[in-house]
PDB file of N, CA and C in Angstrom:
ATOM      1  N   MET A   1     -16.230 -24.362 -25.286  1.00  0.00           N
ATOM      2  CA  MET A   1     -17.414 -23.554 -25.098  1.00  0.00           C
ATOM      3  C   MET A   1     -17.854 -23.567 -23.631  1.00  0.00           C
ATOM      4  N   ARG A   2     -17.843 -24.739 -23.002  1.00  0.00           N
ATOM      5  CA  ARG A   2     -18.225 -24.829 -21.589  1.00  0.00           C
ATOM      6  C   ARG A   2     -17.274 -24.011 -20.715  1.00  0.00           C
ATOM      7  N   TYR A   3     -15.986 -24.046 -21.063  1.00  0.00           N
ATOM      8  CA  TYR A   3     -14.991 -23.287 -20.309  1.00  0.00           C
ATOM      9  C   TYR A   3     -15.281 -21.793 -20.398  1.00  0.00           C
ATOM     10  N   LEU A   4     -15.636 -21.315 -21.581  1.00  0.00           N
ATOM     11  CA  LEU A   4     -15.964 -19.903 -21.768  1.00  0.00           C
ATOM     12  C   LEU A   4     -17.191 -19.528 -20.949  1.00  0.00           C
ATOM     13  N   LEU A   5     -18.202 -20.371 -20.929  1.00  0.00           N
ATOM     14  CA  LEU A   5     -19.396 -20.104 -20.129  1.00  0.00           C
ATOM     15  C   LEU A   5     -19.055 -20.068 -18.644  1.00  0.00           C
ATOM     16  N   PHE A   6     -18.188 -20.967 -18.197  1.00  0.00           N
ATOM     17  CA  PHE A   6     -17.754 -20.989 -16.802  1.00  0.00           C
ATOM     18  C   PHE A   6     -17.041 -19.689 -16.442  1.00  0.00           C
ATOM     19  N   LEU A   7     -16.134 -19.219 -17.313  1.00  0.00           N
ATOM     20  CA  LEU A   7     -15.423 -17.972 -17.056  1.00  0.00           C
ATOM     21  C   LEU A   7     -16.381 -16.785 -17.003  1.00  0.00           C
ATOM     22  N   LEU A   8     -17.339 -16.738 -17.905  1.00  0.00           N
ATOM     23  CA  LEU A   8     -18.315 -15.653 -17.896  1.00  0.00           C
ATOM     24  C   LEU A   8     -19.148 -15.682 -16.620  1.00  0.00           C
ATOM     25  N   LEU A   9     -19.520 -16.865 -16.163  1.00  0.00           N
ATOM     26  CA  LEU A   9     -20.277 -16.999 -14.920  1.00  0.00           C
ATOM     27  C   LEU A   9     -19.439 -16.539 -13.729  1.00  0.00           C
ATOM     28  N   MET A  10     -18.150 -16.876 -13.702  1.00  0.00           N
ATOM     29  CA  MET A  10     -17.259 -16.451 -12.619  1.00  0.00           C
ATOM     30  C   MET A  10     -17.154 -14.933 -12.584  1.00  0.00           C
ATOM     31  N   VAL A  11     -17.033 -14.306 -13.739  1.00  0.00           N
ATOM     32  CA  VAL A  11     -16.937 -12.850 -13.789  1.00  0.00           C
ATOM     33  C   VAL A  11     -18.243 -12.227 -13.332  1.00  0.00           C
ATOM     34  N   ALA A  12     -19.359 -12.759 -13.771  1.00  0.00           N
ATOM     35  CA  ALA A  12     -20.670 -12.226 -13.393  1.00  0.00           C
ATOM     36  C   ALA A  12     -20.918 -12.374 -11.898  1.00  0.00           C
ATOM     37  N   CYS A  13     -20.437 -13.433 -11.289  1.00  0.00           N
ATOM     38  CA  CYS A  13     -20.651 -13.684  -9.858  1.00  0.00           C
ATOM     39  C   CYS A  13     -19.544 -13.083  -9.000  1.00  0.00           C
ATOM     40  N   GLY A  14     -18.584 -12.471  -9.611  1.00  0.00           N
ATOM     41  CA  GLY A  14     -17.521 -11.837  -8.840  1.00  0.00           C
ATOM     42  C   GLY A  14     -16.217 -12.605  -8.895  1.00  0.00           C
ATOM     43  N   GLY A  15     -16.256 -13.940  -8.928  1.00  0.00           N
ATOM     44  CA  GLY A  15     -15.050 -14.743  -9.003  1.00  0.00           C
ATOM     45  C   GLY A  15     -13.991 -14.280  -8.026  1.00  0.00           C
ATOM     46  N   LYS A  16     -14.375 -14.059  -6.784  1.00  0.00           N
ATOM     47  CA  LYS A  16     -13.508 -13.418  -5.803  1.00  0.00           C
ATOM     48  C   LYS A  16     -12.290 -14.259  -5.459  1.00  0.00           C
ATOM     49  N   THR A  17     -11.206 -13.561  -5.268  1.00  0.00           N
ATOM     50  CA  THR A  17      -9.956 -14.156  -4.840  1.00  0.00           C
ATOM     51  C   THR A  17      -9.805 -13.916  -3.346  1.00  0.00           C
ATOM     52  N   ASP A  18      -9.374 -14.931  -2.619  1.00  0.00           N
ATOM     53  CA  ASP A  18      -9.119 -14.770  -1.183  1.00  0.00           C
ATOM     54  C   ASP A  18      -7.790 -14.054  -1.019  1.00  0.00           C
ATOM     55  N   LEU A  19      -7.815 -12.913  -0.361  1.00  0.00           N
ATOM     56  CA  LEU A  19      -6.607 -12.114  -0.163  1.00  0.00           C
ATOM     57  C   LEU A  19      -5.896 -12.421   1.150  1.00  0.00           C
ATOM     58  N   SER A  20      -6.363 -13.408   1.896  1.00  0.00           N
ATOM     59  CA  SER A  20      -5.722 -13.785   3.158  1.00  0.00           C
ATOM     60  C   SER A  20      -4.271 -14.193   2.919  1.00  0.00           C
ATOM     61  N   GLY A  21      -3.400 -13.828   3.854  1.00  0.00           N
ATOM     62  CA  GLY A  21      -2.003 -14.228   3.752  1.00  0.00           C
ATOM     63  C   GLY A  21      -1.064 -13.111   4.165  1.00  0.00           C
ATOM     64  N   ARG A  22       0.218 -13.300   3.852  1.00  0.00           N
ATOM     65  CA  ARG A  22       1.256 -12.298   4.173  1.00  0.00           C
ATOM     66  C   ARG A  22       1.526 -11.468   2.933  1.00  0.00           C
ATOM     67  N   TRP A  23       1.563 -10.155   3.135  1.00  0.00           N
ATOM     68  CA  TRP A  23       1.780  -9.218   2.039  1.00  0.00           C
ATOM     69  C   TRP A  23       2.931  -8.278   2.364  1.00  0.00           C
ATOM     70  N   ARG A  24       3.728  -7.955   1.359  1.00  0.00           N
ATOM     71  CA  ARG A  24       4.742  -6.908   1.486  1.00  0.00           C
ATOM     72  C   ARG A  24       4.098  -5.612   1.032  1.00  0.00           C
ATOM     73  N   THR A  25       4.223  -4.570   1.841  1.00  0.00           N
ATOM     74  CA  THR A  25       3.688  -3.255   1.499  1.00  0.00           C
ATOM     75  C   THR A  25       4.787  -2.220   1.689  1.00  0.00           C
ATOM     76  N   GLY A  26       4.516  -0.994   1.310  1.00  0.00           N
ATOM     77  CA  GLY A  26       5.463   0.093   1.544  1.00  0.00           C
ATOM     78  C   GLY A  26       5.607   0.422   3.018  1.00  0.00           C
ATOM     79  N   PHE A  27       4.706  -0.122   3.846  1.00  0.00           N
ATOM     80  CA  PHE A  27       4.729   0.115   5.296  1.00  0.00           C
ATOM     81  C   PHE A  27       5.271  -1.076   6.076  1.00  0.00           C
ATOM     82  N   GLY A  28       5.654  -2.138   5.397  1.00  0.00           N
ATOM     83  CA  GLY A  28       6.146  -3.338   6.057  1.00  0.00           C
ATOM     84  C   GLY A  28       5.264  -4.538   5.742  1.00  0.00           C
ATOM     85  N   THR A  29       5.544  -5.644   6.392  1.00  0.00           N
ATOM     86  CA  THR A  29       4.810  -6.883   6.149  1.00  0.00           C
ATOM     87  C   THR A  29       3.465  -6.842   6.857  1.00  0.00           C
ATOM     88  N   LEU A  30       2.427  -7.217   6.121  1.00  0.00           N
ATOM     89  CA  LEU A  30       1.051  -7.208   6.607  1.00  0.00           C
ATOM     90  C   LEU A  30       0.517  -8.627   6.611  1.00  0.00           C
ATOM     91  N   ASN A  31       0.006  -9.067   7.763  1.00  0.00           N
ATOM     92  CA  ASN A  31      -0.672 -10.355   7.866  1.00  0.00           C
ATOM     93  C   ASN A  31      -2.163 -10.079   7.764  1.00  0.00           C
ATOM     94  N   LEU A  32      -2.792 -10.596   6.701  1.00  0.00           N
ATOM     95  CA  LEU A  32      -4.155 -10.227   6.347  1.00  0.00           C
ATOM     96  C   LEU A  32      -5.087 -11.426   6.380  1.00  0.00           C
ATOM     97  N   THR A  33      -6.307 -11.208   6.878  1.00  0.00           N
ATOM     98  CA  THR A  33      -7.360 -12.222   6.889  1.00  0.00           C
ATOM     99  C   THR A  33      -8.576 -11.652   6.190  1.00  0.00           C
ATOM    100  N   GLN A  34      -9.180 -12.450   5.322  1.00  0.00           N
ATOM    101  CA  GLN A  34     -10.393 -12.040   4.629  1.00  0.00           C
ATOM    102  C   GLN A  34     -11.559 -12.888   5.116  1.00  0.00           C
ATOM    103  N   LYS A  35     -12.663 -12.223   5.442  1.00  0.00           N
ATOM    104  CA  LYS A  35     -13.916 -12.891   5.809  1.00  0.00           C
ATOM    105  C   LYS A  35     -15.008 -12.254   4.981  1.00  0.00           C
ATOM    106  N   GLY A  36     -15.485 -12.974   3.973  1.00  0.00           N
ATOM    107  CA  GLY A  36     -16.435 -12.389   3.039  1.00  0.00           C
ATOM    108  C   GLY A  36     -15.755 -11.268   2.286  1.00  0.00           C
ATOM    109  N   ASP A  37     -16.350 -10.089   2.294  1.00  0.00           N
ATOM    110  CA  ASP A  37     -15.758  -8.925   1.646  1.00  0.00           C
ATOM    111  C   ASP A  37     -14.946  -8.066   2.614  1.00  0.00           C
ATOM    112  N   SER A  38     -14.836  -8.484   3.867  1.00  0.00           N
ATOM    113  CA  SER A  38     -14.123  -7.712   4.887  1.00  0.00           C
ATOM    114  C   SER A  38     -12.683  -8.195   5.035  1.00  0.00           C
ATOM    115  N   LEU A  39     -11.790  -7.247   5.301  1.00  0.00           N
ATOM    116  CA  LEU A  39     -10.370  -7.532   5.492  1.00  0.00           C
ATOM    117  C   LEU A  39      -9.922  -7.015   6.847  1.00  0.00           C
ATOM    118  N   PHE A  40      -9.118  -7.828   7.540  1.00  0.00           N
ATOM    119  CA  PHE A  40      -8.573  -7.467   8.846  1.00  0.00           C
ATOM    120  C   PHE A  40      -7.114  -7.884   8.862  1.00  0.00           C
ATOM    121  N   GLY A  41      -6.248  -7.032   9.395  1.00  0.00           N
ATOM    122  CA  GLY A  41      -4.852  -7.412   9.432  1.00  0.00           C
ATOM    123  C   GLY A  41      -4.048  -6.591  10.412  1.00  0.00           C
ATOM    124  N   GLU A  42      -2.809  -7.039  10.588  1.00  0.00           N
ATOM    125  CA  GLU A  42      -1.864  -6.338  11.445  1.00  0.00           C
ATOM    126  C   GLU A  42      -0.515  -6.304  10.754  1.00  0.00           C
ATOM    127  N   PHE A  43       0.144  -5.155  10.880  1.00  0.00           N
ATOM    128  CA  PHE A  43       1.499  -5.025  10.371  1.00  0.00           C
ATOM    129  C   PHE A  43       2.448  -5.611  11.402  1.00  0.00           C
ATOM    130  N   GLU A  44       3.469  -6.314  10.947  1.00  0.00           N
ATOM    131  CA  GLU A  44       4.412  -6.958  11.862  1.00  0.00           C
ATOM    132  C   GLU A  44       5.139  -5.951  12.740  1.00  0.00           C
ATOM    133  N   GLY A  45       5.339  -4.731  12.270  1.00  0.00           N
ATOM    134  CA  GLY A  45       6.000  -3.698  13.064  1.00  0.00           C
ATOM    135  C   GLY A  45       5.041  -2.911  13.938  1.00  0.00           C
ATOM    136  N   GLY A  46       3.744  -3.218  13.850  1.00  0.00           N
ATOM    137  CA  GLY A  46       2.724  -2.517  14.619  1.00  0.00           C
ATOM    138  C   GLY A  46       1.800  -1.718  13.728  1.00  0.00           C
ATOM    139  N   GLY A  47       0.521  -1.910  13.913  1.00  0.00           N
ATOM    140  CA  GLY A  47      -0.489  -1.187  13.147  1.00  0.00           C
ATOM    141  C   GLY A  47      -1.618  -2.105  12.726  1.00  0.00           C
ATOM    142  N   LYS A  48      -2.822  -1.539  12.675  1.00  0.00           N
ATOM    143  CA  LYS A  48      -4.010  -2.301  12.295  1.00  0.00           C
ATOM    144  C   LYS A  48      -4.469  -1.909  10.899  1.00  0.00           C
ATOM    145  N   PHE A  49      -4.923  -2.900  10.141  1.00  0.00           N
ATOM    146  CA  PHE A  49      -5.440  -2.716   8.796  1.00  0.00           C
ATOM    147  C   PHE A  49      -6.868  -3.231   8.784  1.00  0.00           C
ATOM    148  N   GLU A  50      -7.808  -2.395   8.368  1.00  0.00           N
ATOM    149  CA  GLU A  50      -9.200  -2.800   8.224  1.00  0.00           C
ATOM    150  C   GLU A  50      -9.668  -2.347   6.852  1.00  0.00           C
ATOM    151  N   GLY A  51     -10.415  -3.177   6.162  1.00  0.00           N
ATOM    152  CA  GLY A  51     -10.878  -2.783   4.849  1.00  0.00           C
ATOM    153  C   GLY A  51     -12.003  -3.648   4.350  1.00  0.00           C
ATOM    154  N   PHE A  52     -12.414  -3.350   3.126  1.00  0.00           N
ATOM    155  CA  PHE A  52     -13.440  -4.141   2.469  1.00  0.00           C
ATOM    156  C   PHE A  52     -13.204  -4.105   0.971  1.00  0.00           C
ATOM    157  N   ILE A  53     -13.781  -5.077   0.294  1.00  0.00           N
ATOM    158  CA  ILE A  53     -13.622  -5.207  -1.151  1.00  0.00           C
ATOM    159  C   ILE A  53     -14.944  -4.870  -1.824  1.00  0.00           C
ATOM    160  N   ARG A  54     -14.881  -4.034  -2.844  1.00  0.00           N
ATOM    161  CA  ARG A  54     -16.022  -3.747  -3.701  1.00  0.00           C
ATOM    162  C   ARG A  54     -15.538  -3.896  -5.127  1.00  0.00           C
ATOM    163  N   ASN A  55     -16.155  -4.830  -5.839  1.00  0.00           N
ATOM    164  CA  ASN A  55     -15.764  -5.144  -7.213  1.00  0.00           C
ATOM    165  C   ASN A  55     -14.286  -5.497  -7.247  1.00  0.00           C
ATOM    166  N   ASP A  56     -13.450  -4.733  -7.909  1.00  0.00           N
ATOM    167  CA  ASP A  56     -12.022  -5.050  -8.010  1.00  0.00           C
ATOM    168  C   ASP A  56     -11.160  -4.058  -7.228  1.00  0.00           C
ATOM    169  N   THR A  57     -11.761  -3.437  -6.191  1.00  0.00           N
ATOM    170  CA  THR A  57     -11.050  -2.424  -5.412  1.00  0.00           C
ATOM    171  C   THR A  57     -11.115  -2.730  -3.920  1.00  0.00           C
ATOM    172  N   VAL A  58      -9.982  -2.554  -3.232  1.00  0.00           N
ATOM    173  CA  VAL A  58      -9.902  -2.661  -1.783  1.00  0.00           C
ATOM    174  C   VAL A  58      -9.922  -1.241  -1.220  1.00  0.00           C
ATOM    175  N   TYR A  59     -10.818  -0.974  -0.279  1.00  0.00           N
ATOM    176  CA  TYR A  59     -10.867   0.296   0.448  1.00  0.00           C
ATOM    177  C   TYR A  59     -10.411  -0.005   1.869  1.00  0.00           C
ATOM    178  N   PHE A  60      -9.498   0.795   2.412  1.00  0.00           N
ATOM    179  CA  PHE A  60      -8.900   0.419   3.691  1.00  0.00           C
ATOM    180  C   PHE A  60      -8.637   1.612   4.595  1.00  0.00           C
ATOM    181  N   ARG A  61      -8.365   1.258   5.858  1.00  0.00           N
ATOM    182  CA  ARG A  61      -7.991   2.216   6.905  1.00  0.00           C
ATOM    183  C   ARG A  61      -6.859   1.587   7.704  1.00  0.00           C
ATOM    184  N   ILE A  62      -5.813   2.357   7.971  1.00  0.00           N
ATOM    185  CA  ILE A  62      -4.672   1.898   8.757  1.00  0.00           C
ATOM    186  C   ILE A  62      -4.602   2.767  10.007  1.00  0.00           C
ATOM    187  N   SER A  63      -4.614   2.134  11.176  1.00  0.00           N
ATOM    188  CA  SER A  63      -4.588   2.877  12.437  1.00  0.00           C
ATOM    189  C   SER A  63      -3.566   2.280  13.390  1.00  0.00           C
ATOM    190  N   GLU A  64      -3.230   3.057  14.427  1.00  0.00           N
ATOM    191  CA  GLU A  64      -2.313   2.625  15.481  1.00  0.00           C
ATOM    192  C   GLU A  64      -0.985   2.110  14.928  1.00  0.00           C
ATOM    193  N   ALA A  65      -0.529   2.719  13.849  1.00  0.00           N
ATOM    194  CA  ALA A  65       0.683   2.251  13.174  1.00  0.00           C
ATOM    195  C   ALA A  65       1.945   2.828  13.803  1.00  0.00           C
ATOM    196  N   SER A  66       2.966   2.004  13.847  1.00  0.00           N
ATOM    197  CA  SER A  66       4.255   2.442  14.377  1.00  0.00           C
ATOM    198  C   SER A  66       4.999   3.340  13.392  1.00  0.00           C
ATOM    199  N   PHE A  67       4.620   3.298  12.123  1.00  0.00           N
ATOM    200  CA  PHE A  67       5.339   4.027  11.085  1.00  0.00           C
ATOM    201  C   PHE A  67       4.767   5.415  10.791  1.00  0.00           C
ATOM    202  N   THR A  68       3.661   5.804  11.443  1.00  0.00           N
ATOM    203  CA  THR A  68       3.102   7.140  11.271  1.00  0.00           C
ATOM    204  C   THR A  68       2.246   7.508  12.479  1.00  0.00           C
ATOM    205  N   SER A  69       2.144   8.793  12.750  1.00  0.00           N
ATOM    206  CA  SER A  69       1.287   9.240  13.850  1.00  0.00           C
ATOM    207  C   SER A  69      -0.137   9.501  13.363  1.00  0.00           C
ATOM    208  N   TYR A  70      -0.356   9.364  12.054  1.00  0.00           N
ATOM    209  CA  TYR A  70      -1.666   9.608  11.468  1.00  0.00           C
ATOM    210  C   TYR A  70      -2.427   8.307  11.247  1.00  0.00           C
ATOM    211  N   THR A  71      -3.747   8.406  11.212  1.00  0.00           N
ATOM    212  CA  THR A  71      -4.568   7.320  10.703  1.00  0.00           C
ATOM    213  C   THR A  71      -4.665   7.549   9.202  1.00  0.00           C
ATOM    214  N   LEU A  72      -4.465   6.493   8.431  1.00  0.00           N
ATOM    215  CA  LEU A  72      -4.440   6.583   6.982  1.00  0.00           C
ATOM    216  C   LEU A  72      -5.661   5.901   6.376  1.00  0.00           C
ATOM    217  N   THR A  73      -6.126   6.414   5.249  1.00  0.00           N
ATOM    218  CA  THR A  73      -7.173   5.752   4.476  1.00  0.00           C
ATOM    219  C   THR A  73      -6.711   5.690   3.029  1.00  0.00           C
ATOM    220  N   GLY A  74      -7.266   4.743   2.297  1.00  0.00           N
ATOM    221  CA  GLY A  74      -6.883   4.630   0.898  1.00  0.00           C
ATOM    222  C   GLY A  74      -7.676   3.579   0.169  1.00  0.00           C
ATOM    223  N   PHE A  75      -7.224   3.322  -1.043  1.00  0.00           N
ATOM    224  CA  PHE A  75      -7.865   2.331  -1.898  1.00  0.00           C
ATOM    225  C   PHE A  75      -6.798   1.722  -2.799  1.00  0.00           C
ATOM    226  N   GLY A  76      -7.063   0.511  -3.255  1.00  0.00           N
ATOM    227  CA  GLY A  76      -6.134  -0.158  -4.151  1.00  0.00           C
ATOM    228  C   GLY A  76      -6.867  -1.027  -5.145  1.00  0.00           C
ATOM    229  N   LEU A  77      -6.462  -0.972  -6.384  1.00  0.00           N
ATOM    230  CA  LEU A  77      -7.029  -1.797  -7.440  1.00  0.00           C
ATOM    231  C   LEU A  77      -6.398  -3.182  -7.363  1.00  0.00           C
ATOM    232  N   ILE A  78      -7.231  -4.213  -7.328  1.00  0.00           N
ATOM    233  CA  ILE A  78      -6.725  -5.585  -7.311  1.00  0.00           C
ATOM    234  C   ILE A  78      -6.319  -5.931  -8.738  1.00  0.00           C
ATOM    235  N   LYS A  79      -5.012  -5.928  -8.997  1.00  0.00           N
ATOM    236  CA  LYS A  79      -4.516  -6.217 -10.341  1.00  0.00           C
ATOM    237  C   LYS A  79      -4.595  -7.714 -10.634  1.00  0.00           C
ATOM    238  N   ASP A  80      -4.271  -8.538  -9.660  1.00  0.00           N
ATOM    239  CA  ASP A  80      -4.419  -9.993  -9.714  1.00  0.00           C
ATOM    240  C   ASP A  80      -4.332 -10.496  -8.284  1.00  0.00           C
ATOM    241  N   LYS A  81      -4.345 -11.801  -8.064  1.00  0.00           N
ATOM    242  CA  LYS A  81      -4.393 -12.338  -6.702  1.00  0.00           C
ATOM    243  C   LYS A  81      -3.147 -12.043  -5.881  1.00  0.00           C
ATOM    244  N   ASN A  82      -2.098 -11.515  -6.527  1.00  0.00           N
ATOM    245  CA  ASN A  82      -0.833 -11.261  -5.834  1.00  0.00           C
ATOM    246  C   ASN A  82      -0.406  -9.798  -5.820  1.00  0.00           C
ATOM    247  N   ASN A  83      -1.175  -8.904  -6.426  1.00  0.00           N
ATOM    248  CA  ASN A  83      -0.752  -7.509  -6.556  1.00  0.00           C
ATOM    249  C   ASN A  83      -1.929  -6.554  -6.430  1.00  0.00           C
ATOM    250  N   ILE A  84      -1.751  -5.555  -5.577  1.00  0.00           N
ATOM    251  CA  ILE A  84      -2.735  -4.501  -5.385  1.00  0.00           C
ATOM    252  C   ILE A  84      -1.970  -3.178  -5.413  1.00  0.00           C
ATOM    253  N   LYS A  85      -2.506  -2.192  -6.138  1.00  0.00           N
ATOM    254  CA  LYS A  85      -1.822  -0.902  -6.224  1.00  0.00           C
ATOM    255  C   LYS A  85      -2.853   0.215  -6.174  1.00  0.00           C
ATOM    256  N   GLY A  86      -2.547   1.269  -5.400  1.00  0.00           N
ATOM    257  CA  GLY A  86      -3.485   2.365  -5.292  1.00  0.00           C
ATOM    258  C   GLY A  86      -2.892   3.597  -4.643  1.00  0.00           C
ATOM    259  N   LYS A  87      -3.731   4.297  -3.889  1.00  0.00           N
ATOM    260  CA  LYS A  87      -3.350   5.569  -3.264  1.00  0.00           C
ATOM    261  C   LYS A  87      -3.713   5.550  -1.783  1.00  0.00           C
ATOM    262  N   VAL A  88      -3.000   6.373  -1.004  1.00  0.00           N
ATOM    263  CA  VAL A  88      -3.214   6.474   0.433  1.00  0.00           C
ATOM    264  C   VAL A  88      -3.024   7.923   0.862  1.00  0.00           C
ATOM    265  N   GLY A  89      -3.717   8.307   1.920  1.00  0.00           N
ATOM    266  CA  GLY A  89      -3.573   9.653   2.456  1.00  0.00           C
ATOM    267  C   GLY A  89      -4.024   9.694   3.904  1.00  0.00           C
ATOM    268  N   GLU A  90      -3.850  10.855   4.523  1.00  0.00           N
ATOM    269  CA  GLU A  90      -4.276  11.018   5.908  1.00  0.00           C
ATOM    270  C   GLU A  90      -5.798  10.984   5.985  1.00  0.00           C
ATOM    271  N   GLU A  91      -6.313  10.325   7.016  1.00  0.00           N
ATOM    272  CA  GLU A  91      -7.755  10.264   7.204  1.00  0.00           C
ATOM    273  C   GLU A  91      -8.306  11.685   7.337  1.00  0.00           C
ATOM    274  N   GLY A  92      -9.393  11.959   6.661  1.00  0.00           N
ATOM    275  CA  GLY A  92     -10.005  13.282   6.696  1.00  0.00           C
ATOM    276  C   GLY A  92      -9.520  14.215   5.606  1.00  0.00           C
ATOM    277  N   SER A  93      -8.414  13.879   4.973  1.00  0.00           N
ATOM    278  CA  SER A  93      -7.892  14.703   3.880  1.00  0.00           C
ATOM    279  C   SER A  93      -8.696  14.420   2.615  1.00  0.00           C
ATOM    280  N   LYS A  94      -8.800  15.406   1.773  1.00  0.00           N
ATOM    281  CA  LYS A  94      -9.531  15.224   0.520  1.00  0.00           C
ATOM    282  C   LYS A  94      -8.630  14.740  -0.604  1.00  0.00           C
ATOM    283  N   THR A  95      -7.338  14.587  -0.313  1.00  0.00           N
ATOM    284  CA  THR A  95      -6.411  14.111  -1.340  1.00  0.00           C
ATOM    285  C   THR A  95      -5.719  12.835  -0.879  1.00  0.00           C
ATOM    286  N   PHE A  96      -5.416  12.003  -1.839  1.00  0.00           N
ATOM    287  CA  PHE A  96      -4.627  10.793  -1.599  1.00  0.00           C
ATOM    288  C   PHE A  96      -3.280  11.050  -2.261  1.00  0.00           C
ATOM    289  N   ASP A  97      -2.313  11.513  -1.474  1.00  0.00           N
ATOM    290  CA  ASP A  97      -1.047  11.949  -2.047  1.00  0.00           C
ATOM    291  C   ASP A  97       0.070  10.913  -2.003  1.00  0.00           C
ATOM    292  N   GLY A  98      -0.219   9.738  -1.463  1.00  0.00           N
ATOM    293  CA  GLY A  98       0.796   8.700  -1.401  1.00  0.00           C
ATOM    294  C   GLY A  98       0.432   7.498  -2.250  1.00  0.00           C
ATOM    295  N   THR A  99       1.438   6.787  -2.708  1.00  0.00           N
ATOM    296  CA  THR A  99       1.222   5.549  -3.461  1.00  0.00           C
ATOM    297  C   THR A  99       1.161   4.384  -2.494  1.00  0.00           C
ATOM    298  N   PHE A 100       0.261   3.459  -2.740  1.00  0.00           N
ATOM    299  CA  PHE A 100       0.113   2.276  -1.904  1.00  0.00           C
ATOM    300  C   PHE A 100       0.227   1.037  -2.774  1.00  0.00           C
ATOM    301  N   TYR A 101       0.957   0.038  -2.284  1.00  0.00           N
ATOM    302  CA  TYR A 101       1.028  -1.225  -2.999  1.00  0.00           C
ATOM    303  C   TYR A 101       1.054  -2.396  -2.016  1.00  0.00           C
ATOM    304  N   MET A 102       0.613  -3.529  -2.486  1.00  0.00           N
ATOM    305  CA  MET A 102       0.691  -4.780  -1.738  1.00  0.00           C
ATOM    306  C   MET A 102       1.114  -5.876  -2.719  1.00  0.00           C
ATOM    307  N   MET A 103       2.130  -6.658  -2.334  1.00  0.00           N
ATOM    308  CA  MET A 103       2.552  -7.808  -3.122  1.00  0.00           C
ATOM    309  C   MET A 103       2.538  -9.020  -2.206  1.00  0.00           C
ATOM    310  N   LYS A 104       1.804 -10.050  -2.612  1.00  0.00           N
ATOM    311  CA  LYS A 104       1.661 -11.235  -1.773  1.00  0.00           C
ATOM    312  C   LYS A 104       2.980 -11.996  -1.676  1.00  0.00           C
ATOM    313  N   LEU A 105       3.335 -12.357  -0.447  1.00  0.00           N
ATOM    314  CA  LEU A 105       4.540 -13.158  -0.208  1.00  0.00           C
ATOM    315  C   LEU A 105       4.174 -14.629  -0.331  1.00  0.00           C
ATOM    316  N   ARG A 106       5.062 -15.386  -0.854  1.00  0.00           N
ATOM    317  CA  ARG A 106       4.790 -16.824  -1.045  1.00  0.00           C
ATOM    318  C   ARG A 106       5.401 -17.630   0.050  1.00  0.00           C
TER     319      ARG A 106
END
């Protein structure tokens, strides 16, 4: 019973997972740091990642990337502490036409 109450309290308070670390993405390896709800990172091949977490979703912006001439924006659902999946598109576009994923490297 105490365990169930603890789990309910964690869910009510957010029970946030620290997303800091190395991630494999469709754009290459991302080194990510989390401070509170804010995310900052750099792709090993070049590019900046900035984002924030709201509930179970990461909202992000990718700029100065070596893999595209566009600035990208997107969002990803945090499936668990090791997997995020969502959509990405060109900044300013009203559509997110690309798939985005992140898998934490161990």
